[in-house]
Amino acid sequence: MSGRIHVDFDATEGALLRLLGLVERRGFAVSGLAMRAADGRFTLSLDVAPRDPARRLDVVAAQLRRLVDVRGVSILPPEPGAP
Protein backbone atom coordinates (compact mmCIF):
# COMPACT_ATOMS: atom_id res chain seq x y z
CA MET A 1 0.00 0.00 0.00
CA SER A 2 1.36 3.42 -0.96
CA GLY A 3 1.29 6.19 1.58
CA ARG A 4 3.06 9.06 3.25
CA ILE A 5 5.32 8.68 6.25
CA HIS A 6 6.11 11.65 8.52
CA VAL A 7 9.20 11.33 10.68
CA ASP A 8 10.31 13.78 13.38
CA PHE A 9 13.97 13.36 14.27
CA ASP A 10 16.97 15.10 15.79
CA ALA A 11 19.41 16.85 13.47
CA THR A 12 22.41 14.62 14.11
CA GLU A 13 25.14 13.48 11.78
CA GLY A 14 23.97 10.64 9.52
CA ALA A 15 20.35 10.62 10.76
CA LEU A 16 18.81 11.37 7.36
CA LEU A 17 20.92 8.74 5.64
CA ARG A 18 19.90 6.12 8.24
CA LEU A 19 16.20 6.93 7.74
CA LEU A 20 16.27 6.78 3.96
CA GLY A 21 18.46 3.68 3.96
CA LEU A 22 16.06 1.81 6.23
CA VAL A 23 13.06 2.68 4.05
CA GLU A 24 14.87 1.52 0.89
CA ARG A 25 16.24 -1.68 2.48
CA ARG A 26 12.76 -2.60 3.72
CA GLY A 27 11.44 -2.68 0.15
CA PHE A 28 9.88 0.73 -0.37
CA ALA A 29 10.54 3.14 -3.21
CA VAL A 30 10.59 6.84 -2.30
CA SER A 31 8.63 8.86 -4.87
CA GLY A 32 8.53 12.18 -3.04
CA LEU A 33 10.35 13.88 -0.21
CA ALA A 34 9.95 17.11 1.76
CA MET A 35 11.88 18.24 4.81
CA ARG A 36 11.68 21.10 7.30
CA ALA A 37 14.17 22.12 9.97
CA ALA A 38 13.49 23.98 13.20
CA ASP A 39 15.31 24.19 16.55
CA GLY A 40 17.74 21.36 15.88
CA ARG A 41 15.03 18.97 14.72
CA PHE A 42 13.83 17.88 11.31
CA THR A 43 10.46 16.78 9.99
CA LEU A 44 10.69 14.50 6.97
CA SER A 45 7.71 13.60 4.78
CA LEU A 46 8.20 10.64 2.44
CA ASP A 47 5.82 9.49 -0.27
CA VAL A 48 6.51 5.76 -0.53
CA ALA A 49 5.31 2.78 -2.53
CA PRO A 50 6.06 -0.88 -1.78
CA ARG A 51 8.22 -2.75 -4.27
CA ASP A 52 6.00 -5.82 -3.77
CA PRO A 53 2.53 -6.36 -2.23
CA ALA A 54 3.89 -8.13 0.87
CA ARG A 55 5.43 -4.88 2.22
CA ARG A 56 3.47 -3.02 4.92
CA LEU A 57 3.77 0.62 5.98
CA ASP A 58 3.10 -0.15 9.65
CA VAL A 59 6.11 -2.48 9.75
CA VAL A 60 8.53 0.06 8.27
CA ALA A 61 7.09 2.74 10.59
CA ALA A 62 7.76 0.52 13.63
CA GLN A 63 11.32 -0.02 12.44
CA LEU A 64 11.84 3.73 11.96
CA ARG A 65 10.63 4.36 15.53
CA ARG A 66 13.49 2.20 16.83
CA LEU A 67 16.20 4.42 15.34
CA VAL A 68 18.10 6.44 17.96
CA ASP A 69 17.40 9.94 16.60
CA VAL A 70 13.71 9.42 15.77
CA ARG A 71 11.20 11.22 18.00
CA GLY A 72 7.98 10.27 16.21
CA VAL A 73 6.55 8.53 13.13
CA SER A 74 3.08 8.78 11.61
CA ILE A 75 1.48 7.25 8.52
CA LEU A 76 -0.94 9.17 6.32
CA PRO A 77 -2.80 8.17 3.16
CA PRO A 78 -1.16 9.26 -0.11
CA GLU A 79 -1.86 12.74 -1.44
CA PRO A 80 -4.60 12.84 -4.10
CA GLY A 81 -3.00 12.43 -7.52
CA ALA A 82 0.16 10.84 -6.13
CA PRO A 83 1.48 7.80 -8.05
PDB file of N, CA and C in Angstrom:
ATOM      1  N   MET A   1       0.833  -1.168   0.000  1.00  0.00           N
ATOM      2  CA  MET A   1       0.000   0.000   0.000  1.00  0.00           C
ATOM      3  C   MET A   1       0.888   1.245   0.000  1.00  0.00           C
ATOM      4  N   SER A   2       0.637   2.157  -0.904  1.00  0.00           N
ATOM      5  CA  SER A   2       1.363   3.424  -0.959  1.00  0.00           C
ATOM      6  C   SER A   2       0.861   4.338   0.142  1.00  0.00           C
ATOM      7  N   GLY A   3       1.696   5.260   0.554  1.00  0.00           N
ATOM      8  CA  GLY A   3       1.291   6.193   1.579  1.00  0.00           C
ATOM      9  C   GLY A   3       2.348   7.229   1.823  1.00  0.00           C
ATOM     10  N   ARG A   4       2.126   8.000   2.864  1.00  0.00           N
ATOM     11  CA  ARG A   4       3.061   9.056   3.249  1.00  0.00           C
ATOM     12  C   ARG A   4       3.470   8.804   4.689  1.00  0.00           C
ATOM     13  N   ILE A   5       4.775   8.866   4.920  1.00  0.00           N
ATOM     14  CA  ILE A   5       5.322   8.676   6.252  1.00  0.00           C
ATOM     15  C   ILE A   5       5.925   9.998   6.711  1.00  0.00           C
ATOM     16  N   HIS A   6       5.524  10.461   7.905  1.00  0.00           N
ATOM     17  CA  HIS A   6       6.108  11.654   8.524  1.00  0.00           C
ATOM     18  C   HIS A   6       7.008  11.191   9.646  1.00  0.00           C
ATOM     19  N   VAL A   7       8.234  11.697   9.656  1.00  0.00           N
ATOM     20  CA  VAL A   7       9.201  11.326  10.683  1.00  0.00           C
ATOM     21  C   VAL A   7       9.766  12.599  11.311  1.00  0.00           C
ATOM     22  N   ASP A   8       9.668  12.698  12.630  1.00  0.00           N
ATOM     23  CA  ASP A   8      10.308  13.779  13.378  1.00  0.00           C
ATOM     24  C   ASP A   8      11.573  13.204  13.993  1.00  0.00           C
ATOM     25  N   PHE A   9      12.707  13.890  13.761  1.00  0.00           N
ATOM     26  CA  PHE A   9      13.968  13.362  14.271  1.00  0.00           C
ATOM     27  C   PHE A   9      14.946  14.479  14.584  1.00  0.00           C
ATOM     28  N   ASP A  10      15.930  14.138  15.414  1.00  0.00           N
ATOM     29  CA  ASP A  10      16.971  15.095  15.788  1.00  0.00           C
ATOM     30  C   ASP A  10      17.946  15.291  14.638  1.00  0.00           C
ATOM     31  N   ALA A  11      18.470  16.501  14.541  1.00  0.00           N
ATOM     32  CA  ALA A  11      19.409  16.849  13.471  1.00  0.00           C
ATOM     33  C   ALA A  11      20.822  16.421  13.859  1.00  0.00           C
ATOM     34  N   THR A  12      21.083  15.134  13.791  1.00  0.00           N
ATOM     35  CA  THR A  12      22.411  14.615  14.111  1.00  0.00           C
ATOM     36  C   THR A  12      23.077  14.085  12.850  1.00  0.00           C
ATOM     37  N   GLU A  13      24.381  13.935  12.924  1.00  0.00           N
ATOM     38  CA  GLU A  13      25.144  13.478  11.778  1.00  0.00           C
ATOM     39  C   GLU A  13      24.704  12.074  11.351  1.00  0.00           C
ATOM     40  N   GLY A  14      24.343  11.931  10.085  1.00  0.00           N
ATOM     41  CA  GLY A  14      23.968  10.642   9.519  1.00  0.00           C
ATOM     42  C   GLY A  14      22.518  10.226   9.728  1.00  0.00           C
ATOM     43  N   ALA A  15      21.734  11.014  10.456  1.00  0.00           N
ATOM     44  CA  ALA A  15      20.352  10.619  10.760  1.00  0.00           C
ATOM     45  C   ALA A  15      19.509  10.474   9.496  1.00  0.00           C
ATOM     46  N   LEU A  16      19.598  11.427   8.586  1.00  0.00           N
ATOM     47  CA  LEU A  16      18.807  11.369   7.358  1.00  0.00           C
ATOM     48  C   LEU A  16      19.180  10.152   6.521  1.00  0.00           C
ATOM     49  N   LEU A  17      20.453   9.896   6.406  1.00  0.00           N
ATOM     50  CA  LEU A  17      20.922   8.737   5.641  1.00  0.00           C
ATOM     51  C   LEU A  17      20.416   7.433   6.246  1.00  0.00           C
ATOM     52  N   ARG A  18      20.420   7.330   7.577  1.00  0.00           N
ATOM     53  CA  ARG A  18      19.899   6.125   8.237  1.00  0.00           C
ATOM     54  C   ARG A  18      18.419   5.931   7.949  1.00  0.00           C
ATOM     55  N   LEU A  19      17.650   7.014   8.003  1.00  0.00           N
ATOM     56  CA  LEU A  19      16.203   6.926   7.743  1.00  0.00           C
ATOM     57  C   LEU A  19      15.916   6.458   6.320  1.00  0.00           C
ATOM     58  N   LEU A  20      16.523   7.128   5.358  1.00  0.00           N
ATOM     59  CA  LEU A  20      16.272   6.783   3.957  1.00  0.00           C
ATOM     60  C   LEU A  20      16.772   5.379   3.633  1.00  0.00           C
ATOM     61  N   GLY A  21      17.922   5.018   4.190  1.00  0.00           N
ATOM     62  CA  GLY A  21      18.458   3.680   3.959  1.00  0.00           C
ATOM     63  C   GLY A  21      17.543   2.595   4.483  1.00  0.00           C
ATOM     64  N   LEU A  22      16.980   2.805   5.663  1.00  0.00           N
ATOM     65  CA  LEU A  22      16.064   1.814   6.231  1.00  0.00           C
ATOM     66  C   LEU A  22      14.839   1.647   5.344  1.00  0.00           C
ATOM     67  N   VAL A  23      14.255   2.746   4.901  1.00  0.00           N
ATOM     68  CA  VAL A  23      13.059   2.678   4.049  1.00  0.00           C
ATOM     69  C   VAL A  23      13.363   1.909   2.761  1.00  0.00           C
ATOM     70  N   GLU A  24      14.484   2.203   2.130  1.00  0.00           N
ATOM     71  CA  GLU A  24      14.867   1.518   0.886  1.00  0.00           C
ATOM     72  C   GLU A  24      15.145   0.028   1.132  1.00  0.00           C
ATOM     73  N   ARG A  25      15.896  -0.275   2.191  1.00  0.00           N
ATOM     74  CA  ARG A  25      16.235  -1.679   2.478  1.00  0.00           C
ATOM     75  C   ARG A  25      15.016  -2.509   2.824  1.00  0.00           C
ATOM     76  N   ARG A  26      13.987  -1.880   3.346  1.00  0.00           N
ATOM     77  CA  ARG A  26      12.756  -2.604   3.715  1.00  0.00           C
ATOM     78  C   ARG A  26      11.786  -2.739   2.548  1.00  0.00           C
ATOM     79  N   GLY A  27      12.221  -2.393   1.350  1.00  0.00           N
ATOM     80  CA  GLY A  27      11.443  -2.676   0.155  1.00  0.00           C
ATOM     81  C   GLY A  27      10.468  -1.601  -0.279  1.00  0.00           C
ATOM     82  N   PHE A  28      10.738  -0.365   0.061  1.00  0.00           N
ATOM     83  CA  PHE A  28       9.877   0.735  -0.367  1.00  0.00           C
ATOM     84  C   PHE A  28      10.646   1.676  -1.277  1.00  0.00           C
ATOM     85  N   ALA A  29       9.975   2.149  -2.309  1.00  0.00           N
ATOM     86  CA  ALA A  29      10.541   3.145  -3.214  1.00  0.00           C
ATOM     87  C   ALA A  29      10.047   4.519  -2.771  1.00  0.00           C
ATOM     88  N   VAL A  30      10.945   5.465  -2.679  1.00  0.00           N
ATOM     89  CA  VAL A  30      10.590   6.838  -2.302  1.00  0.00           C
ATOM     90  C   VAL A  30      10.272   7.609  -3.579  1.00  0.00           C
ATOM     91  N   SER A  31       9.037   8.121  -3.672  1.00  0.00           N
ATOM     92  CA  SER A  31       8.630   8.855  -4.869  1.00  0.00           C
ATOM     93  C   SER A  31       8.522  10.353  -4.621  1.00  0.00           C
ATOM     94  N   GLY A  32       8.584  10.759  -3.378  1.00  0.00           N
ATOM     95  CA  GLY A  32       8.532  12.176  -3.045  1.00  0.00           C
ATOM     96  C   GLY A  32       9.115  12.401  -1.670  1.00  0.00           C
ATOM     97  N   LEU A  33       9.680  13.598  -1.473  1.00  0.00           N
ATOM     98  CA  LEU A  33      10.350  13.882  -0.209  1.00  0.00           C
ATOM     99  C   LEU A  33      10.251  15.371   0.077  1.00  0.00           C
ATOM    100  N   ALA A  34       9.942  15.719   1.312  1.00  0.00           N
ATOM    101  CA  ALA A  34       9.948  17.115   1.759  1.00  0.00           C
ATOM    102  C   ALA A  34      10.500  17.131   3.173  1.00  0.00           C
ATOM    103  N   MET A  35      11.287  18.175   3.485  1.00  0.00           N
ATOM    104  CA  MET A  35      11.882  18.239   4.807  1.00  0.00           C
ATOM    105  C   MET A  35      11.878  19.668   5.318  1.00  0.00           C
ATOM    106  N   ARG A  36      11.624  19.809   6.626  1.00  0.00           N
ATOM    107  CA  ARG A  36      11.679  21.104   7.304  1.00  0.00           C
ATOM    108  C   ARG A  36      12.614  20.986   8.492  1.00  0.00           C
ATOM    109  N   ALA A  37      13.276  22.072   8.810  1.00  0.00           N
ATOM    110  CA  ALA A  37      14.169  22.115   9.966  1.00  0.00           C
ATOM    111  C   ALA A  37      13.737  23.234  10.898  1.00  0.00           C
ATOM    112  N   ALA A  38      13.793  22.961  12.205  1.00  0.00           N
ATOM    113  CA  ALA A  38      13.491  23.982  13.202  1.00  0.00           C
ATOM    114  C   ALA A  38      14.052  23.540  14.550  1.00  0.00           C
ATOM    115  N   ASP A  39      14.805  24.421  15.192  1.00  0.00           N
ATOM    116  CA  ASP A  39      15.306  24.189  16.554  1.00  0.00           C
ATOM    117  C   ASP A  39      16.074  22.880  16.718  1.00  0.00           C
ATOM    118  N   GLY A  40      16.925  22.556  15.760  1.00  0.00           N
ATOM    119  CA  GLY A  40      17.736  21.356  15.881  1.00  0.00           C
ATOM    120  C   GLY A  40      17.017  20.065  15.592  1.00  0.00           C
ATOM    121  N   ARG A  41      15.808  20.156  15.090  1.00  0.00           N
ATOM    122  CA  ARG A  41      15.032  18.970  14.724  1.00  0.00           C
ATOM    123  C   ARG A  41      14.575  19.087  13.279  1.00  0.00           C
ATOM    124  N   PHE A  42      14.329  17.940  12.679  1.00  0.00           N
ATOM    125  CA  PHE A  42      13.826  17.875  11.306  1.00  0.00           C
ATOM    126  C   PHE A  42      12.485  17.156  11.281  1.00  0.00           C
ATOM    127  N   THR A  43      11.677  17.529  10.320  1.00  0.00           N
ATOM    128  CA  THR A  43      10.464  16.782   9.991  1.00  0.00           C
ATOM    129  C   THR A  43      10.596  16.364   8.539  1.00  0.00           C
ATOM    130  N   LEU A  44      10.528  15.066   8.305  1.00  0.00           N
ATOM    131  CA  LEU A  44      10.687  14.499   6.971  1.00  0.00           C
ATOM    132  C   LEU A  44       9.371  13.869   6.547  1.00  0.00           C
ATOM    133  N   SER A  45       8.902  14.215   5.358  1.00  0.00           N
ATOM    134  CA  SER A  45       7.709  13.597   4.776  1.00  0.00           C
ATOM    135  C   SER A  45       8.140  12.807   3.548  1.00  0.00           C
ATOM    136  N   LEU A  46       7.824  11.526   3.548  1.00  0.00           N
ATOM    137  CA  LEU A  46       8.198  10.642   2.443  1.00  0.00           C
ATOM    138  C   LEU A  46       6.949  10.057   1.796  1.00  0.00           C
ATOM    139  N   ASP A  47       6.837  10.216   0.488  1.00  0.00           N
ATOM    140  CA  ASP A  47       5.817   9.488  -0.272  1.00  0.00           C
ATOM    141  C   ASP A  47       6.480   8.178  -0.690  1.00  0.00           C
ATOM    142  N   VAL A  48       5.891   7.062  -0.276  1.00  0.00           N
ATOM    143  CA  VAL A  48       6.513   5.762  -0.531  1.00  0.00           C
ATOM    144  C   VAL A  48       5.530   4.803  -1.181  1.00  0.00           C
ATOM    145  N   ALA A  49       6.096   3.845  -1.908  1.00  0.00           N
ATOM    146  CA  ALA A  49       5.308   2.778  -2.529  1.00  0.00           C
ATOM    147  C   ALA A  49       6.070   1.473  -2.339  1.00  0.00           C
ATOM    148  N   PRO A  50       5.377   0.400  -1.982  1.00  0.00           N
ATOM    149  CA  PRO A  50       6.057  -0.879  -1.782  1.00  0.00           C
ATOM    150  C   PRO A  50       6.546  -1.445  -3.109  1.00  0.00           C
ATOM    151  N   ARG A  51       7.689  -2.107  -3.064  1.00  0.00           N
ATOM    152  CA  ARG A  51       8.223  -2.752  -4.271  1.00  0.00           C
ATOM    153  C   ARG A  51       7.506  -4.069  -4.565  1.00  0.00           C
ATOM    154  N   ASP A  52       6.842  -4.640  -3.563  1.00  0.00           N
ATOM    155  CA  ASP A  52       6.005  -5.819  -3.773  1.00  0.00           C
ATOM    156  C   ASP A  52       4.844  -5.761  -2.778  1.00  0.00           C
ATOM    157  N   PRO A  53       3.740  -6.487  -3.055  1.00  0.00           N
ATOM    158  CA  PRO A  53       2.533  -6.356  -2.233  1.00  0.00           C
ATOM    159  C   PRO A  53       2.674  -6.862  -0.800  1.00  0.00           C
ATOM    160  N   ALA A  54       3.721  -7.592  -0.487  1.00  0.00           N
ATOM    161  CA  ALA A  54       3.895  -8.127   0.868  1.00  0.00           C
ATOM    162  C   ALA A  54       4.419  -7.072   1.846  1.00  0.00           C
ATOM    163  N   ARG A  55       4.860  -5.921   1.362  1.00  0.00           N
ATOM    164  CA  ARG A  55       5.428  -4.880   2.223  1.00  0.00           C
ATOM    165  C   ARG A  55       4.317  -4.076   2.878  1.00  0.00           C
ATOM    166  N   ARG A  56       4.503  -3.753   4.176  1.00  0.00           N
ATOM    167  CA  ARG A  56       3.473  -3.020   4.922  1.00  0.00           C
ATOM    168  C   ARG A  56       4.060  -1.762   5.547  1.00  0.00           C
ATOM    169  N   LEU A  57       3.326  -0.662   5.430  1.00  0.00           N
ATOM    170  CA  LEU A  57       3.772   0.619   5.976  1.00  0.00           C
ATOM    171  C   LEU A  57       3.906   0.576   7.499  1.00  0.00           C
ATOM    172  N   ASP A  58       3.021  -0.112   8.189  1.00  0.00           N
ATOM    173  CA  ASP A  58       3.103  -0.145   9.646  1.00  0.00           C
ATOM    174  C   ASP A  58       4.376  -0.831  10.129  1.00  0.00           C
ATOM    175  N   VAL A  59       4.872  -1.800   9.368  1.00  0.00           N
ATOM    176  CA  VAL A  59       6.111  -2.485   9.747  1.00  0.00           C
ATOM    177  C   VAL A  59       7.305  -1.555   9.595  1.00  0.00           C
ATOM    178  N   VAL A  60       7.402  -0.870   8.461  1.00  0.00           N
ATOM    179  CA  VAL A  60       8.534   0.055   8.275  1.00  0.00           C
ATOM    180  C   VAL A  60       8.444   1.217   9.255  1.00  0.00           C
ATOM    181  N   ALA A  61       7.246   1.668   9.602  1.00  0.00           N
ATOM    182  CA  ALA A  61       7.090   2.739  10.588  1.00  0.00           C
ATOM    183  C   ALA A  61       7.592   2.282  11.960  1.00  0.00           C
ATOM    184  N   ALA A  62       7.283   1.060  12.345  1.00  0.00           N
ATOM    185  CA  ALA A  62       7.762   0.524  13.625  1.00  0.00           C
ATOM    186  C   ALA A  62       9.284   0.436  13.643  1.00  0.00           C
ATOM    187  N   GLN A  63       9.868   0.066  12.519  1.00  0.00           N
ATOM    188  CA  GLN A  63      11.325  -0.019  12.442  1.00  0.00           C
ATOM    189  C   GLN A  63      11.961   1.368  12.510  1.00  0.00           C
ATOM    190  N   LEU A  64      11.338   2.354  11.885  1.00  0.00           N
ATOM    191  CA  LEU A  64      11.840   3.727  11.961  1.00  0.00           C
ATOM    192  C   LEU A  64      11.808   4.244  13.395  1.00  0.00           C
ATOM    193  N   ARG A  65      10.757   3.907  14.137  1.00  0.00           N
ATOM    194  CA  ARG A  65      10.630   4.364  15.526  1.00  0.00           C
ATOM    195  C   ARG A  65      11.778   3.869  16.404  1.00  0.00           C
ATOM    196  N   ARG A  66      12.403   2.769  16.031  1.00  0.00           N
ATOM    197  CA  ARG A  66      13.490   2.200  16.826  1.00  0.00           C
ATOM    198  C   ARG A  66      14.835   2.902  16.609  1.00  0.00           C
ATOM    199  N   LEU A  67      14.944   3.723  15.580  1.00  0.00           N
ATOM    200  CA  LEU A  67      16.203   4.420  15.340  1.00  0.00           C
ATOM    201  C   LEU A  67      16.450   5.447  16.450  1.00  0.00           C
ATOM    202  N   VAL A  68      17.700   5.606  16.825  1.00  0.00           N
ATOM    203  CA  VAL A  68      18.096   6.437  17.964  1.00  0.00           C
ATOM    204  C   VAL A  68      17.592   7.873  17.868  1.00  0.00           C
ATOM    205  N   ASP A  69      17.711   8.516  16.731  1.00  0.00           N
ATOM    206  CA  ASP A  69      17.398   9.937  16.604  1.00  0.00           C
ATOM    207  C   ASP A  69      15.928  10.235  16.343  1.00  0.00           C
ATOM    208  N   VAL A  70      15.115   9.216  16.127  1.00  0.00           N
ATOM    209  CA  VAL A  70      13.712   9.416  15.765  1.00  0.00           C
ATOM    210  C   VAL A  70      12.888   9.741  17.006  1.00  0.00           C
ATOM    211  N   ARG A  71      12.075  10.786  16.907  1.00  0.00           N
ATOM    212  CA  ARG A  71      11.199  11.222  18.001  1.00  0.00           C
ATOM    213  C   ARG A  71       9.738  10.843  17.770  1.00  0.00           C
ATOM    214  N   GLY A  72       9.358  10.645  16.507  1.00  0.00           N
ATOM    215  CA  GLY A  72       7.978  10.275  16.211  1.00  0.00           C
ATOM    216  C   GLY A  72       7.802   9.907  14.749  1.00  0.00           C
ATOM    217  N   VAL A  73       6.856   8.984  14.497  1.00  0.00           N
ATOM    218  CA  VAL A  73       6.551   8.531  13.134  1.00  0.00           C
ATOM    219  C   VAL A  73       5.039   8.442  13.006  1.00  0.00           C
ATOM    220  N   SER A  74       4.506   8.940  11.897  1.00  0.00           N
ATOM    221  CA  SER A  74       3.081   8.780  11.612  1.00  0.00           C
ATOM    222  C   SER A  74       2.902   8.406  10.146  1.00  0.00           C
ATOM    223  N   ILE A  75       1.800   7.700   9.882  1.00  0.00           N
ATOM    224  CA  ILE A  75       1.478   7.254   8.525  1.00  0.00           C
ATOM    225  C   ILE A  75       0.197   7.951   8.095  1.00  0.00           C
ATOM    226  N   LEU A  76       0.224   8.507   6.899  1.00  0.00           N
ATOM    227  CA  LEU A  76      -0.945   9.171   6.324  1.00  0.00           C
ATOM    228  C   LEU A  76      -1.250   8.547   4.975  1.00  0.00           C
ATOM    229  N   PRO A  77      -2.497   8.648   4.504  1.00  0.00           N
ATOM    230  CA  PRO A  77      -2.796   8.170   3.159  1.00  0.00           C
ATOM    231  C   PRO A  77      -2.060   9.009   2.132  1.00  0.00           C
ATOM    232  N   PRO A  78      -1.851   8.476   0.919  1.00  0.00           N
ATOM    233  CA  PRO A  78      -1.159   9.258  -0.107  1.00  0.00           C
ATOM    234  C   PRO A  78      -1.944  10.498  -0.492  1.00  0.00           C
ATOM    235  N   GLU A  79      -1.220  11.513  -0.944  1.00  0.00           N
ATOM    236  CA  GLU A  79      -1.857  12.735  -1.442  1.00  0.00           C
ATOM    237  C   GLU A  79      -2.696  12.395  -2.669  1.00  0.00           C
ATOM    238  N   PRO A  80      -3.832  13.068  -2.881  1.00  0.00           N
ATOM    239  CA  PRO A  80      -4.596  12.842  -4.100  1.00  0.00           C
ATOM    240  C   PRO A  80      -3.746  13.145  -5.338  1.00  0.00           C
ATOM    241  N   GLY A  81      -3.769  12.263  -6.288  1.00  0.00           N
ATOM    242  CA  GLY A  81      -3.002  12.427  -7.518  1.00  0.00           C
ATOM    243  C   GLY A  81      -1.594  11.916  -7.428  1.00  0.00           C
ATOM    244  N   ALA A  82      -1.182  11.398  -6.259  1.00  0.00           N
ATOM    245  CA  ALA A  82       0.162  10.845  -6.132  1.00  0.00           C
ATOM    246  C   ALA A  82       0.211   9.480  -6.790  1.00  0.00           C
ATOM    247  N   PRO A  83       1.370   9.103  -7.362  1.00  0.00           N
ATOM    248  CA  PRO A  83       1.477   7.804  -8.051  1.00  0.00           C
ATOM    249  C   PRO A  83       1.347   6.644  -7.110  1.00  0.00           C
TER     250      PRO A  83
END
